[in-house]
C-alpha atoms as a PDB file:
ATOM      1  CA  MET A   1     -64.270  67.582 246.602  1.00  0.00           C
ATOM      2  CA  LYS A   2     -65.671  65.602 249.512  1.00  0.00           C
ATOM      3  CA  LYS A   3     -67.940  63.714 247.112  1.00  0.00           C
ATOM      4  CA  ILE A   4     -65.002  62.683 244.887  1.00  0.00           C
ATOM      5  CA  PHE A   5     -63.046  61.587 247.974  1.00  0.00           C
ATOM      6  CA  SER A   6     -65.977  59.475 249.204  1.00  0.00           C
ATOM      7  CA  ILE A   7     -66.316  57.742 245.798  1.00  0.00           C
ATOM      8  CA  SER A   8     -62.585  57.002 245.705  1.00  0.00           C
ATOM      9  CA  SER A   9     -62.692  55.582 249.217  1.00  0.00           C
ATOM     10  CA  ALA A  10     -65.624  53.344 248.287  1.00  0.00           C
ATOM     11  CA  ILE A  11     -63.779  52.005 245.198  1.00  0.00           C
ATOM     12  CA  ILE A  12     -60.652  51.247 247.237  1.00  0.00           C
ATOM     13  CA  CYS A  13     -62.685  49.426 249.891  1.00  0.00           C
ATOM     14  CA  LEU A  14     -64.420  47.374 247.188  1.00  0.00           C
ATOM     15  CA  ILE A  15     -61.080  46.360 245.659  1.00  0.00           C
ATOM     16  CA  LEU A  16     -59.769  45.322 249.070  1.00  0.00           C
ATOM     17  CA  LEU A  17     -62.900  43.242 249.755  1.00  0.00           C
ATOM     18  CA  VAL A  18     -62.581  41.449 246.383  1.00  0.00           C
ATOM     19  CA  ALA A  19     -58.891  40.722 247.011  1.00  0.00           C
ATOM     20  CA  LEU A  20     -59.652  39.435 250.515  1.00  0.00           C
ATOM     21  CA  ALA A  21     -62.447  37.209 249.230  1.00  0.00           C
ATOM     22  CA  GLY A  22     -60.164  35.782 246.532  1.00  0.00           C
ATOM     23  CA  SER A  23     -57.403  35.050 249.044  1.00  0.00           C
ATOM     24  CA  TRP A  24     -59.845  33.348 251.397  1.00  0.00           C
ATOM     25  CA  ALA A  25     -61.259  31.214 248.560  1.00  0.00           C
ATOM     26  CA  TYR A  26     -57.744  30.186 247.538  1.00  0.00           C
ATOM     27  CA  PHE A  27     -56.901  29.308 251.122  1.00  0.00           C
ATOM     28  CA  LEU A  28     -60.023  27.144 251.454  1.00  0.00           C
ATOM     29  CA  LYS A  29     -59.149  25.430 248.157  1.00  0.00           C
ATOM     30  CA  LEU A  30     -55.668  24.372 249.326  1.00  0.00           C
ATOM     31  CA  SER A  31     -56.536  23.590 252.933  1.00  0.00           C
ATOM     32  CA  PRO A  32     -56.267  19.842 253.736  1.00  0.00           C
ATOM     33  CA  LYS A  33     -59.517  18.031 254.327  1.00  0.00           C
ATOM     34  CA  PRO A  34     -60.314  16.724 257.813  1.00  0.00           C
ATOM     35  CA  SER A  35     -58.449  13.557 258.774  1.00  0.00           C
ATOM     36  CA  GLY A  36     -61.683  11.569 258.999  1.00  0.00           C
ATOM     37  CA  ASP A  37     -62.603  12.279 255.365  1.00  0.00           C
ATOM     38  CA  ALA A  38     -60.905   9.742 253.103  1.00  0.00           C
ATOM     39  CA  SER A  39     -62.001  11.358 249.810  1.00  0.00           C
ATOM     40  CA  PRO A  40     -62.197  14.838 248.302  1.00  0.00           C
ATOM     41  CA  ALA A  41     -65.422  16.810 248.710  1.00  0.00           C
ATOM     42  CA  SER A  42     -68.039  15.403 246.428  1.00  0.00           C
ATOM     43  CA  GLY A  43     -69.146  18.835 245.333  1.00  0.00           C
ATOM     44  CA  ALA A  44     -65.700  19.973 244.252  1.00  0.00           C
ATOM     45  CA  SER A  45     -64.645  20.257 240.604  1.00  0.00           C
ATOM     46  CA  PRO A  46     -62.085  17.765 239.192  1.00  0.00           C
ATOM     47  CA  SER A  47     -59.278  20.333 239.416  1.00  0.00           C
ATOM     48  CA  GLU A  48     -60.231  21.149 243.029  1.00  0.00           C
ATOM     49  CA  GLN A  49     -60.357  17.434 243.903  1.00  0.00           C
ATOM     50  CA  ALA A  50     -56.862  16.946 242.427  1.00  0.00           C
ATOM     51  CA  ALA A  51     -55.519  19.916 244.402  1.00  0.00           C
ATOM     52  CA  LEU A  52     -57.066  18.597 247.623  1.00  0.00           C
ATOM     53  CA  SER A  53     -55.675  15.093 247.033  1.00  0.00           C
ATOM     54  CA  GLU A  54     -52.178  16.470 246.420  1.00  0.00           C
ATOM     55  CA  GLN A  55     -52.337  18.666 249.504  1.00  0.00           C
ATOM     56  CA  THR A  56     -53.497  15.719 251.619  1.00  0.00           C
ATOM     57  CA  ALA A  57     -50.677  13.525 250.326  1.00  0.00           C
ATOM     58  CA  LEU A  58     -48.118  16.195 251.168  1.00  0.00           C
ATOM     59  CA  SER A  59     -49.551  16.682 254.662  1.00  0.00           C
ATOM     60  CA  GLU A  60     -49.593  12.995 255.601  1.00  0.00           C
ATOM     61  CA  PRO A  61     -46.659  11.879 257.806  1.00  0.00           C
ATOM     62  CA  ILE A  62     -44.019   9.608 256.270  1.00  0.00           C
ATOM     63  CA  ASP A  63     -43.733   6.168 257.784  1.00  0.00           C
ATOM     64  CA  SER A  64     -40.049   5.758 258.661  1.00  0.00           C
ATOM     65  CA  SER A  65     -40.448   2.455 260.495  1.00  0.00           C
ATOM     66  CA  GLU A  66     -39.267   0.498 257.444  1.00  0.00           C
ATOM     67  CA  PRO A  67     -35.885   1.446 255.915  1.00  0.00           C
ATOM     68  CA  ALA A  68     -35.882   2.379 252.244  1.00  0.00           C
ATOM     69  CA  ASP A  69     -34.586  -0.195 249.778  1.00  0.00           C
ATOM     70  CA  PRO A  70     -31.386   1.253 248.199  1.00  0.00           C
ATOM     71  CA  SER A  71     -32.042  -0.744 245.014  1.00  0.00           C
ATOM     72  CA  GLU A  72     -35.224   1.242 244.456  1.00  0.00           C
ATOM     73  CA  SER A  73     -33.487   4.600 244.753  1.00  0.00           C
ATOM     74  CA  ALA A  74     -32.580   6.686 241.739  1.00  0.00           C
ATOM     75  CA  TRP A  75     -29.155   7.105 243.409  1.00  0.00           C
ATOM     76  CA  PRO A  76     -28.190   3.652 244.735  1.00  0.00           C
ATOM     77  CA  LEU A  77     -25.688   3.559 247.577  1.00  0.00           C
ATOM     78  CA  LEU A  78     -22.099   2.650 246.720  1.00  0.00           C
ATOM     79  CA  GLU A  79     -20.750   0.070 249.152  1.00  0.00           C
ATOM     80  CA  LEU A  80     -17.005   0.376 249.809  1.00  0.00           C
ATOM     81  CA  SER A  81     -14.628  -1.531 252.006  1.00  0.00           C
ATOM     82  CA  TYR A  82     -10.973  -1.030 252.878  1.00  0.00           C
ATOM     83  CA  GLU A  83      -8.242  -2.298 255.135  1.00  0.00           C
ATOM     84  CA  PRO A  84      -6.284   0.382 257.015  1.00  0.00           C
ATOM     85  CA  ALA A  85      -2.526   0.110 256.586  1.00  0.00           C
ATOM     86  CA  SER A  86      -0.242   0.105 259.585  1.00  0.00           C
ATOM     87  CA  TYR A  87       2.831   2.357 259.360  1.00  0.00           C
ATOM     88  CA  GLU A  88       5.559   3.405 261.755  1.00  0.00           C
ATOM     89  CA  GLU A  89       7.401   6.711 261.802  1.00  0.00           C
ATOM     90  CA  THR A  90      10.916   6.658 260.365  1.00  0.00           C
ATOM     91  CA  GLY A  91      13.734   9.049 259.601  1.00  0.00           C
ATOM     92  CA  GLU A  92      14.982   6.942 256.704  1.00  0.00           C
ATOM     93  CA  VAL A  93      14.732   7.939 253.052  1.00  0.00           C
ATOM     94  CA  LEU A  94      11.564   6.514 251.527  1.00  0.00           C
ATOM     95  CA  SER A  95      11.573   5.211 247.971  1.00  0.00           C
ATOM     96  CA  ASN A  96       8.052   6.312 247.074  1.00  0.00           C
ATOM     97  CA  PRO A  97       7.797   6.632 243.276  1.00  0.00           C
ATOM     98  CA  PHE A  98       7.383   9.888 241.358  1.00  0.00           C
ATOM     99  CA  CYS A  99       7.910  12.236 244.315  1.00  0.00           C
ATOM    100  CA  GLY A 100      10.554  13.846 246.511  1.00  0.00           C
ATOM    101  CA  PHE A 101      13.930  15.381 245.744  1.00  0.00           C
ATOM    102  CA  TYR A 102      15.620  14.565 242.442  1.00  0.00           C
ATOM    103  CA  GLN A 103      19.113  14.264 241.014  1.00  0.00           C
ATOM    104  CA  MET A 104      20.067  16.044 237.768  1.00  0.00           C
ATOM    105  CA  ASN A 105      22.007  14.463 234.908  1.00  0.00           C
ATOM    106  CA  GLY A 106      22.578  15.747 231.371  1.00  0.00           C
ATOM    107  CA  TYR A 107      23.691  14.290 228.050  1.00  0.00           C
ATOM    108  CA  ILE A 108      24.600  15.754 224.647  1.00  0.00           C
ATOM    109  CA  LEU A 109      23.491  13.677 221.678  1.00  0.00           C
ATOM    110  CA  THR A 110      26.217  13.449 219.013  1.00  0.00           C
ATOM    111  CA  GLU A 111      27.318  11.483 215.965  1.00  0.00           C
ATOM    112  CA  ASP A 112      30.178   9.947 217.922  1.00  0.00           C
ATOM    113  CA  ASP A 113      30.317   6.345 219.061  1.00  0.00           C
ATOM    114  CA  PRO A 114      27.444   6.104 221.576  1.00  0.00           C
ATOM    115  CA  ALA A 115      29.192   3.525 223.773  1.00  0.00           C
ATOM    116  CA  GLU A 116      30.868   6.085 226.051  1.00  0.00           C
ATOM    117  CA  LEU A 117      27.690   8.138 226.440  1.00  0.00           C
ATOM    118  CA  LEU A 118      25.567   5.088 227.241  1.00  0.00           C
ATOM    119  CA  GLU A 119      28.137   3.871 229.774  1.00  0.00           C
ATOM    120  CA  LEU A 120      27.973   7.269 231.480  1.00  0.00           C
ATOM    121  CA  ALA A 121      24.173   7.105 231.549  1.00  0.00           C
ATOM    122  CA  SER A 122      24.279   3.635 233.138  1.00  0.00           C
ATOM    123  CA  ARG A 123      26.649   4.839 235.868  1.00  0.00           C
ATOM    124  CA  ASP A 124      24.530   7.927 236.573  1.00  0.00           C
ATOM    125  CA  ALA A 125      21.341   5.886 236.744  1.00  0.00           C
ATOM    126  CA  ALA A 126      22.829   3.369 239.158  1.00  0.00           C
ATOM    127  CA  SER A 127      24.449   5.929 241.485  1.00  0.00           C
ATOM    128  CA  GLY A 128      22.748   7.792 244.297  1.00  0.00           C
ATOM    129  CA  SER A 129      19.747   6.943 246.430  1.00  0.00           C
ATOM    130  CA  LEU A 130      17.170   9.310 244.954  1.00  0.00           C
ATOM    131  CA  PRO A 131      14.689   7.446 242.746  1.00  0.00           C
ATOM    132  CA  LEU A 132      13.589  10.560 240.828  1.00  0.00           C
ATOM    133  CA  ARG A 133      15.946  12.039 238.208  1.00  0.00           C
ATOM    134  CA  LEU A 134      15.860  15.134 236.031  1.00  0.00           C
ATOM    135  CA  VAL A 135      17.342  13.866 232.762  1.00  0.00           C
ATOM    136  CA  GLN A 136      18.390  16.646 230.372  1.00  0.00           C
ATOM    137  CA  ILE A 137      18.911  15.807 226.694  1.00  0.00           C
ATOM    138  CA  ASN A 138      20.907  18.457 224.822  1.00  0.00           C
ATOM    139  CA  LEU A 139      20.181  18.694 221.080  1.00  0.00           C
ATOM    140  CA  LEU A 140      22.535  21.579 220.231  1.00  0.00           C
ATOM    141  CA  ARG A 141      24.501  19.466 217.718  1.00  0.00           C
ATOM    142  CA  TYR A 142      21.323  19.194 215.631  1.00  0.00           C
ATOM    143  CA  SER A 143      20.091  22.777 215.707  1.00  0.00           C
ATOM    144  CA  ASP A 144      20.310  22.995 211.892  1.00  0.00           C
ATOM    145  CA  SER A 145      19.367  19.428 210.946  1.00  0.00           C
ATOM    146  CA  ASP A 146      17.079  16.530 211.752  1.00  0.00           C
ATOM    147  CA  LEU A 147      18.056  14.129 214.501  1.00  0.00           C
ATOM    148  CA  SER A 148      19.942  11.189 213.056  1.00  0.00           C
ATOM    149  CA  ASP A 149      19.153   7.540 213.713  1.00  0.00           C
ATOM    150  CA  ASN A 150      22.336   7.433 215.805  1.00  0.00           C
ATOM    151  CA  ALA A 151      21.061  10.295 217.995  1.00  0.00           C
ATOM    152  CA  LEU A 152      17.701   8.597 218.479  1.00  0.00           C
ATOM    153  CA  GLU A 153      19.426   5.332 219.412  1.00  0.00           C
ATOM    154  CA  GLN A 154      21.450   7.222 222.019  1.00  0.00           C
ATOM    155  CA  LEU A 155      18.248   8.723 223.439  1.00  0.00           C
ATOM    156  CA  ASP A 156      16.687   5.271 223.618  1.00  0.00           C
ATOM    157  CA  GLY A 157      19.783   3.864 225.355  1.00  0.00           C
ATOM    158  CA  ILE A 158      19.797   6.672 227.962  1.00  0.00           C
ATOM    159  CA  LEU A 159      16.154   6.206 228.879  1.00  0.00           C
ATOM    160  CA  SER A 160      16.597   2.434 228.950  1.00  0.00           C
ATOM    161  CA  ALA A 161      19.478   2.757 231.434  1.00  0.00           C
ATOM    162  CA  TYR A 162      17.291   4.694 233.870  1.00  0.00           C
ATOM    163  CA  ARG A 163      14.427   2.250 233.507  1.00  0.00           C
ATOM    164  CA  LYS A 164      16.732  -0.721 234.216  1.00  0.00           C
ATOM    165  CA  ALA A 165      17.998   1.048 237.336  1.00  0.00           C
ATOM    166  CA  GLY A 166      14.416   1.445 238.584  1.00  0.00           C
ATOM    167  CA  ARG A 167      14.462   5.243 238.340  1.00  0.00           C
ATOM    168  CA  GLN A 168      11.669   7.638 237.457  1.00  0.00           C
ATOM    169  CA  MET A 169      12.407  10.557 235.174  1.00  0.00           C
ATOM    170  CA  ILE A 170      11.557  14.190 234.660  1.00  0.00           C
ATOM    171  CA  LEU A 171      12.590  14.589 231.021  1.00  0.00           C
ATOM    172  CA  ARG A 172      13.794  17.886 229.585  1.00  0.00           C
ATOM    173  CA  PHE A 173      14.985  18.535 226.042  1.00  0.00           C
ATOM    174  CA  LEU A 174      17.051  21.656 225.369  1.00  0.00           C
ATOM    175  CA  TYR A 175      19.643  23.233 223.091  1.00  0.00           C
ATOM    176  CA  ASP A 176      21.630  25.022 225.769  1.00  0.00           C
ATOM    177  CA  TRP A 177      22.760  24.737 229.379  1.00  0.00           C
ATOM    178  CA  ASP A 178      25.328  27.576 229.290  1.00  0.00           C
ATOM    179  CA  SER A 179      22.833  30.488 229.033  1.00  0.00           C
ATOM    180  CA  LYS A 180      23.536  30.853 225.287  1.00  0.00           C
ATOM    181  CA  ALA A 181      20.226  29.684 223.889  1.00  0.00           C
ATOM    182  CA  MET A 182      20.138  32.483 221.288  1.00  0.00           C
ATOM    183  CA  ASP A 183      23.301  31.014 219.740  1.00  0.00           C
ATOM    184  CA  THR A 184      22.447  27.326 219.957  1.00  0.00           C
ATOM    185  CA  GLU A 185      18.696  27.066 219.248  1.00  0.00           C
ATOM    186  CA  PRO A 186      17.366  26.367 215.740  1.00  0.00           C
ATOM    187  CA  ASP A 187      16.533  29.394 213.619  1.00  0.00           C
ATOM    188  CA  THR A 188      12.953  28.277 212.957  1.00  0.00           C
ATOM    189  CA  ILE A 189      10.103  26.925 215.040  1.00  0.00           C
ATOM    190  CA  GLU A 190       9.574  24.310 212.328  1.00  0.00           C
ATOM    191  CA  ARG A 191      12.921  22.714 213.160  1.00  0.00           C
ATOM    192  CA  ILE A 192      12.031  22.533 216.866  1.00  0.00           C
ATOM    193  CA  CYS A 193       8.653  20.989 216.048  1.00  0.00           C
ATOM    194  CA  ARG A 194      10.410  18.483 213.807  1.00  0.00           C
ATOM    195  CA  HIS A 195      12.690  17.457 216.687  1.00  0.00           C
ATOM    196  CA  MET A 196       9.653  17.090 218.955  1.00  0.00           C
ATOM    197  CA  ASP A 197       8.054  14.807 216.405  1.00  0.00           C
ATOM    198  CA  GLN A 198      11.226  12.735 216.043  1.00  0.00           C
ATOM    199  CA  VAL A 199      11.775  12.069 219.750  1.00  0.00           C
ATOM    200  CA  SER A 200       8.089  11.338 220.454  1.00  0.00           C
ATOM    201  CA  ASP A 201       8.239   7.677 219.365  1.00  0.00           C
ATOM    202  CA  VAL A 202      11.198   6.980 221.658  1.00  0.00           C
ATOM    203  CA  VAL A 203       9.757   8.889 224.621  1.00  0.00           C
ATOM    204  CA  ASN A 204       6.406   7.129 224.376  1.00  0.00           C
ATOM    205  CA  ARG A 205       8.123   3.771 224.852  1.00  0.00           C
ATOM    206  CA  TYR A 206       9.059   4.850 228.398  1.00  0.00           C
ATOM    207  CA  THR A 207       5.825   6.344 229.705  1.00  0.00           C
ATOM    208  CA  ASP A 208       5.865   3.859 232.591  1.00  0.00           C
ATOM    209  CA  CYS A 209       8.908   5.569 234.133  1.00  0.00           C
ATOM    210  CA  ILE A 210       8.596   9.186 232.912  1.00  0.00           C
ATOM    211  CA  LEU A 211       6.804  11.443 235.365  1.00  0.00           C
ATOM    212  CA  LEU A 212       6.528  14.403 233.016  1.00  0.00           C
ATOM    213  CA  LEU A 213       8.083  16.179 230.051  1.00  0.00           C
ATOM    214  CA  GLN A 214       9.422  19.529 231.235  1.00  0.00           C
ATOM    215  CA  GLY A 215       9.521  22.680 229.131  1.00  0.00           C
ATOM    216  CA  THR A 216       9.202  23.222 225.374  1.00  0.00           C
ATOM    217  CA  PHE A 217      12.845  22.623 224.261  1.00  0.00           C
ATOM    218  CA  THR A 218      13.553  26.383 224.211  1.00  0.00           C
ATOM    219  CA  GLY A 219      15.253  29.021 226.362  1.00  0.00           C
ATOM    220  CA  ASP A 220      18.384  29.066 228.499  1.00  0.00           C
ATOM    221  CA  CYS A 221      18.745  25.639 230.084  1.00  0.00           C
ATOM    222  CA  GLY A 222      15.434  24.723 228.433  1.00  0.00           C
ATOM    223  CA  GLU A 223      13.562  26.976 230.874  1.00  0.00           C
ATOM    224  CA  MET A 224      11.663  28.928 228.170  1.00  0.00           C
ATOM    225  CA  ASN A 225      13.254  32.253 229.168  1.00  0.00           C
END
């Protein structure tokens, strides 16, 4: 038993000595050469010379006396300039576009003479001090048919009135504003999609003054509920 133990101890010691010798050789291989030696050891192999050269390059201090040329960088510096604006506090209503409180106005498209409806839209657009308006367009009269040319002309006239008045719009299409959407909405999703397609040409002519299109035409008051 003692003999087996002695042999095992000798093997373990030998393994440790080999590992220690390998570590020491690796350390000597990567150690930087003395500062007075300008070239790798002449007796070293090519791979050892390359390793020593790389280690020396990494260990040499970087000369920071000359600033780096931004044009030579892979990430050139972006030069920006600005002029700070000067503002004063005020309690007055500001007319910043596309923000703040809004006023709500609604219109039902019909086959009637559009003159009265367009006159109402012009008055609504011109009244009040709030630049942002929630404009609701009710399509309940067309829940079982396509929108007529007359209805699309009315829509165009309403949006034009708000643009002329310098207003910005949140636009909402709906079929109900009396909480009776189940009675006034089209029976099929295809009809709703058709109405979306029809109004798109008119709406896209006013993208400069429309903040957003609200909702998906459906639900009580167009609120998708």
